[in-house]
Amino acid sequence: MRMMHNYFRIGGVAADLPYGWIDKCLDFCDYFLTGVAEYQKLITRNPIFLERVEGVGIIGGEEAINWGLSGPMLRASGIEWDLRKPHYAANPTAKSVKDKK
């Protein structure tokens, strides 16, 4: 957790936002949003960036199991496992109980 646990209080937080914070936040949003198209172009079309990141961080199914990964990381490695849907993990073609009625 990035914020200290003592910041949160019953019924709220330890302090209100500082004066002018909302205006500064909105100013930053205006500044940032004007560059989003440029940022997207930079990370999707820049050959130097793409050469550095494509193929990096690929985790195979066996590695994922050995490392004890779970959730989206495990599913992204090709292992069909979802604790939220145990019937799906056992039988991917099964429909939910709601659909069977």
N, C-alpha and C. Protein backbone atom coordinates (compact mmCIF):
# COMPACT_ATOMS: atom_id res chain seq x y z
N MET A 1 0.84 -1.17 0.00
CA MET A 1 0.00 0.00 0.00
C MET A 1 0.89 1.24 0.00
N ARG A 2 0.64 2.16 -0.88
CA ARG A 2 1.51 3.31 -1.01
C ARG A 2 1.28 4.35 0.09
N MET A 3 0.07 4.42 0.61
CA MET A 3 -0.19 5.38 1.68
C MET A 3 -0.04 4.68 3.02
N MET A 4 0.39 5.41 3.98
CA MET A 4 0.56 4.82 5.31
C MET A 4 -0.80 4.44 5.89
N HIS A 5 -0.82 3.37 6.65
CA HIS A 5 -2.07 2.89 7.23
C HIS A 5 -2.67 3.89 8.22
N ASN A 6 -1.86 4.71 8.83
CA ASN A 6 -2.40 5.66 9.80
C ASN A 6 -3.05 6.88 9.14
N TYR A 7 -3.03 6.97 7.82
CA TYR A 7 -3.69 8.07 7.11
C TYR A 7 -5.20 7.89 7.14
N PHE A 8 -5.64 6.65 7.07
CA PHE A 8 -7.08 6.36 7.05
C PHE A 8 -7.64 6.37 8.46
N ARG A 9 -8.81 6.92 8.60
CA ARG A 9 -9.49 7.01 9.89
C ARG A 9 -10.92 6.50 9.75
N ILE A 10 -11.52 6.13 10.84
CA ILE A 10 -12.93 5.76 10.81
C ILE A 10 -13.71 6.99 10.41
N GLY A 11 -14.48 6.86 9.34
CA GLY A 11 -15.27 7.99 8.86
C GLY A 11 -14.55 8.87 7.87
N GLY A 12 -13.36 8.52 7.45
CA GLY A 12 -12.67 9.35 6.47
C GLY A 12 -11.17 9.15 6.48
N VAL A 13 -10.46 10.25 6.32
CA VAL A 13 -9.00 10.22 6.30
C VAL A 13 -8.46 11.24 7.29
N ALA A 14 -7.16 11.24 7.49
CA ALA A 14 -6.54 12.08 8.51
C ALA A 14 -6.65 13.58 8.21
N ALA A 15 -6.66 13.95 6.94
CA ALA A 15 -6.70 15.38 6.59
C ALA A 15 -7.39 15.57 5.25
N ASP A 16 -7.94 16.76 5.08
CA ASP A 16 -8.55 17.11 3.81
C ASP A 16 -7.47 17.43 2.78
N LEU A 17 -7.89 17.55 1.54
CA LEU A 17 -6.94 17.93 0.49
C LEU A 17 -6.44 19.34 0.76
N PRO A 18 -5.18 19.61 0.45
CA PRO A 18 -4.66 20.96 0.65
C PRO A 18 -5.37 21.97 -0.25
N TYR A 19 -5.40 23.21 0.17
CA TYR A 19 -6.03 24.28 -0.60
C TYR A 19 -5.38 24.36 -1.98
N GLY A 20 -6.19 24.38 -3.02
CA GLY A 20 -5.69 24.51 -4.38
C GLY A 20 -5.33 23.20 -5.06
N TRP A 21 -5.43 22.09 -4.33
CA TRP A 21 -5.05 20.80 -4.91
C TRP A 21 -5.92 20.43 -6.10
N ILE A 22 -7.22 20.63 -5.99
CA ILE A 22 -8.13 20.25 -7.08
C ILE A 22 -7.81 21.05 -8.34
N ASP A 23 -7.55 22.35 -8.20
CA ASP A 23 -7.20 23.17 -9.36
C ASP A 23 -5.91 22.68 -10.01
N LYS A 24 -4.91 22.35 -9.19
CA LYS A 24 -3.64 21.84 -9.73
C LYS A 24 -3.85 20.49 -10.42
N CYS A 25 -4.70 19.68 -9.85
CA CYS A 25 -4.99 18.38 -10.45
C CYS A 25 -5.68 18.56 -11.82
N LEU A 26 -6.64 19.44 -11.89
CA LEU A 26 -7.33 19.70 -13.15
C LEU A 26 -6.39 20.30 -14.19
N ASP A 27 -5.48 21.18 -13.76
CA ASP A 27 -4.49 21.75 -14.67
C ASP A 27 -3.60 20.65 -15.24
N PHE A 28 -3.18 19.73 -14.37
CA PHE A 28 -2.35 18.62 -14.84
C PHE A 28 -3.12 17.76 -15.84
N CYS A 29 -4.39 17.49 -15.56
CA CYS A 29 -5.21 16.68 -16.48
C CYS A 29 -5.29 17.34 -17.84
N ASP A 30 -5.51 18.64 -17.88
CA ASP A 30 -5.55 19.37 -19.15
C ASP A 30 -4.22 19.26 -19.88
N TYR A 31 -3.13 19.42 -19.15
CA TYR A 31 -1.79 19.33 -19.74
C TYR A 31 -1.53 17.93 -20.28
N PHE A 32 -1.83 16.93 -19.47
CA PHE A 32 -1.54 15.55 -19.83
C PHE A 32 -2.40 15.08 -21.01
N LEU A 33 -3.68 15.41 -20.99
CA LEU A 33 -4.59 14.93 -22.03
C LEU A 33 -4.24 15.48 -23.41
N THR A 34 -3.63 16.66 -23.47
CA THR A 34 -3.24 17.20 -24.78
C THR A 34 -2.12 16.38 -25.41
N GLY A 35 -1.36 15.65 -24.63
CA GLY A 35 -0.26 14.86 -25.16
C GLY A 35 -0.53 13.39 -25.31
N VAL A 36 -1.72 12.92 -24.96
CA VAL A 36 -2.01 11.48 -24.99
C VAL A 36 -1.79 10.88 -26.38
N ALA A 37 -2.23 11.56 -27.42
CA ALA A 37 -2.05 11.04 -28.78
C ALA A 37 -0.56 10.88 -29.09
N GLU A 38 0.24 11.86 -28.68
CA GLU A 38 1.69 11.77 -28.92
C GLU A 38 2.30 10.63 -28.12
N TYR A 39 1.87 10.46 -26.88
CA TYR A 39 2.40 9.37 -26.04
C TYR A 39 2.04 8.02 -26.65
N GLN A 40 0.81 7.89 -27.14
CA GLN A 40 0.37 6.64 -27.73
C GLN A 40 1.19 6.33 -28.98
N LYS A 41 1.41 7.34 -29.81
CA LYS A 41 2.22 7.15 -31.01
C LYS A 41 3.65 6.74 -30.63
N LEU A 42 4.17 7.35 -29.59
CA LEU A 42 5.52 7.06 -29.15
C LEU A 42 5.68 5.60 -28.73
N ILE A 43 4.70 5.05 -28.02
CA ILE A 43 4.86 3.67 -27.52
C ILE A 43 4.30 2.61 -28.47
N THR A 44 3.56 3.00 -29.50
CA THR A 44 3.03 1.99 -30.41
C THR A 44 3.73 1.97 -31.77
N ARG A 45 4.43 3.06 -32.12
CA ARG A 45 5.06 3.13 -33.45
C ARG A 45 6.57 3.36 -33.41
N ASN A 46 7.12 3.65 -32.27
CA ASN A 46 8.54 3.94 -32.18
C ASN A 46 9.34 2.63 -32.27
N PRO A 47 10.13 2.44 -33.34
CA PRO A 47 10.85 1.17 -33.50
C PRO A 47 11.86 0.90 -32.39
N ILE A 48 12.47 1.92 -31.85
CA ILE A 48 13.45 1.71 -30.77
C ILE A 48 12.74 1.18 -29.53
N PHE A 49 11.63 1.80 -29.17
CA PHE A 49 10.87 1.34 -28.01
C PHE A 49 10.36 -0.07 -28.23
N LEU A 50 9.78 -0.33 -29.39
CA LEU A 50 9.23 -1.66 -29.68
C LEU A 50 10.30 -2.74 -29.66
N GLU A 51 11.48 -2.42 -30.18
CA GLU A 51 12.57 -3.40 -30.19
C GLU A 51 12.99 -3.77 -28.76
N ARG A 52 12.90 -2.81 -27.86
CA ARG A 52 13.30 -3.05 -26.47
C ARG A 52 12.27 -3.82 -25.66
N VAL A 53 10.98 -3.72 -26.02
CA VAL A 53 9.95 -4.31 -25.18
C VAL A 53 9.25 -5.53 -25.76
N GLU A 54 9.28 -5.72 -27.08
CA GLU A 54 8.60 -6.87 -27.66
C GLU A 54 9.32 -8.16 -27.27
N GLY A 55 8.53 -9.12 -26.79
CA GLY A 55 9.08 -10.42 -26.41
C GLY A 55 9.70 -10.45 -25.02
N VAL A 56 9.70 -9.34 -24.33
CA VAL A 56 10.27 -9.29 -22.98
C VAL A 56 9.19 -9.66 -21.98
N GLY A 57 9.52 -10.51 -21.04
CA GLY A 57 8.57 -10.83 -19.98
C GLY A 57 7.58 -11.92 -20.33
N ILE A 58 7.86 -12.70 -21.36
CA ILE A 58 6.97 -13.80 -21.71
C ILE A 58 7.20 -14.94 -20.72
N ILE A 59 6.10 -15.42 -20.16
CA ILE A 59 6.18 -16.50 -19.17
C ILE A 59 5.37 -17.67 -19.69
N GLY A 60 6.00 -18.81 -19.81
CA GLY A 60 5.31 -20.02 -20.26
C GLY A 60 4.49 -20.63 -19.12
N GLY A 61 3.60 -21.54 -19.48
CA GLY A 61 2.72 -22.17 -18.49
C GLY A 61 3.48 -22.91 -17.41
N GLU A 62 4.50 -23.66 -17.79
CA GLU A 62 5.27 -24.43 -16.81
C GLU A 62 6.00 -23.50 -15.84
N GLU A 63 6.59 -22.44 -16.38
CA GLU A 63 7.26 -21.46 -15.51
C GLU A 63 6.27 -20.81 -14.55
N ALA A 64 5.09 -20.46 -15.06
CA ALA A 64 4.08 -19.81 -14.22
C ALA A 64 3.69 -20.70 -13.05
N ILE A 65 3.51 -21.98 -13.31
CA ILE A 65 3.16 -22.90 -12.23
C ILE A 65 4.32 -23.03 -11.25
N ASN A 66 5.54 -23.16 -11.76
CA ASN A 66 6.72 -23.29 -10.89
C ASN A 66 6.92 -22.05 -10.02
N TRP A 67 6.59 -20.89 -10.54
CA TRP A 67 6.75 -19.64 -9.80
C TRP A 67 5.57 -19.36 -8.88
N GLY A 68 4.53 -20.17 -8.97
CA GLY A 68 3.36 -19.98 -8.10
C GLY A 68 2.48 -18.81 -8.51
N LEU A 69 2.49 -18.47 -9.79
CA LEU A 69 1.66 -17.37 -10.25
C LEU A 69 0.18 -17.76 -10.21
N SER A 70 -0.67 -16.76 -10.12
CA SER A 70 -2.11 -17.01 -10.10
C SER A 70 -2.82 -15.85 -10.80
N GLY A 71 -4.11 -15.98 -10.96
CA GLY A 71 -4.92 -14.92 -11.54
C GLY A 71 -4.54 -14.62 -12.98
N PRO A 72 -4.54 -13.33 -13.34
CA PRO A 72 -4.30 -12.96 -14.73
C PRO A 72 -2.92 -13.39 -15.24
N MET A 73 -1.93 -13.39 -14.37
CA MET A 73 -0.59 -13.81 -14.80
C MET A 73 -0.59 -15.27 -15.22
N LEU A 74 -1.29 -16.12 -14.46
CA LEU A 74 -1.36 -17.53 -14.79
C LEU A 74 -2.15 -17.74 -16.08
N ARG A 75 -3.30 -17.07 -16.19
CA ARG A 75 -4.12 -17.22 -17.39
C ARG A 75 -3.39 -16.70 -18.63
N ALA A 76 -2.61 -15.63 -18.49
CA ALA A 76 -1.87 -15.08 -19.63
C ALA A 76 -0.78 -16.03 -20.11
N SER A 77 -0.34 -16.93 -19.24
CA SER A 77 0.69 -17.89 -19.63
C SER A 77 0.10 -19.08 -20.38
N GLY A 78 -1.23 -19.11 -20.52
CA GLY A 78 -1.88 -20.17 -21.28
C GLY A 78 -2.56 -21.22 -20.43
N ILE A 79 -2.49 -21.08 -19.12
CA ILE A 79 -3.14 -22.04 -18.22
C ILE A 79 -4.57 -21.56 -17.97
N GLU A 80 -5.55 -22.41 -18.27
CA GLU A 80 -6.94 -22.03 -18.04
C GLU A 80 -7.29 -22.37 -16.59
N TRP A 81 -7.21 -21.38 -15.73
CA TRP A 81 -7.50 -21.57 -14.31
C TRP A 81 -8.07 -20.28 -13.76
N ASP A 82 -9.27 -20.36 -13.23
CA ASP A 82 -9.91 -19.18 -12.69
C ASP A 82 -10.69 -19.59 -11.45
N LEU A 83 -10.18 -19.23 -10.29
CA LEU A 83 -10.84 -19.61 -9.03
C LEU A 83 -12.22 -18.98 -8.89
N ARG A 84 -12.46 -17.89 -9.61
CA ARG A 84 -13.76 -17.25 -9.53
C ARG A 84 -14.81 -18.08 -10.25
N LYS A 85 -14.38 -18.93 -11.17
CA LYS A 85 -15.31 -19.74 -11.96
C LYS A 85 -14.82 -21.18 -11.97
N PRO A 86 -14.98 -21.91 -10.87
CA PRO A 86 -14.44 -23.27 -10.81
C PRO A 86 -15.01 -24.21 -11.88
N HIS A 87 -16.27 -24.01 -12.26
CA HIS A 87 -16.85 -24.86 -13.30
C HIS A 87 -16.17 -24.61 -14.64
N TYR A 88 -15.72 -23.40 -14.89
CA TYR A 88 -15.07 -23.07 -16.15
C TYR A 88 -13.70 -23.74 -16.21
N ALA A 89 -12.97 -23.71 -15.10
CA ALA A 89 -11.63 -24.30 -15.08
C ALA A 89 -11.71 -25.80 -15.33
N ALA A 90 -12.74 -26.45 -14.81
CA ALA A 90 -12.88 -27.89 -14.98
C ALA A 90 -13.37 -28.23 -16.38
N ASN A 91 -14.26 -27.40 -16.92
CA ASN A 91 -14.84 -27.68 -18.22
C ASN A 91 -15.09 -26.36 -18.96
N PRO A 92 -14.18 -25.94 -19.82
CA PRO A 92 -14.32 -24.64 -20.48
C PRO A 92 -15.58 -24.51 -21.33
N THR A 93 -16.19 -25.63 -21.74
CA THR A 93 -17.38 -25.55 -22.58
C THR A 93 -18.66 -25.46 -21.75
N ALA A 94 -18.56 -25.66 -20.44
CA ALA A 94 -19.76 -25.61 -19.59
C ALA A 94 -20.28 -24.19 -19.49
N LYS A 95 -21.58 -24.06 -19.45
CA LYS A 95 -22.20 -22.75 -19.29
C LYS A 95 -22.53 -22.54 -17.82
N SER A 96 -22.73 -21.30 -17.44
CA SER A 96 -23.03 -21.03 -16.05
C SER A 96 -24.42 -21.58 -15.70
N VAL A 97 -24.68 -21.72 -14.42
CA VAL A 97 -25.95 -22.24 -13.94
C VAL A 97 -27.09 -21.37 -14.45
N LYS A 98 -26.86 -20.07 -14.49
CA LYS A 98 -27.88 -19.13 -14.95
C LYS A 98 -28.27 -19.43 -16.40
N ASP A 99 -27.28 -19.76 -17.25
CA ASP A 99 -27.55 -20.03 -18.65
C ASP A 99 -28.29 -21.34 -18.86
N LYS A 100 -28.12 -22.31 -17.94
CA LYS A 100 -28.75 -23.62 -18.10
C LYS A 100 -30.24 -23.59 -17.82
N LYS A 101 -30.72 -22.58 -17.08
CA LYS A 101 -32.15 -22.54 -16.74
C LYS A 101 -32.99 -22.15 -17.92
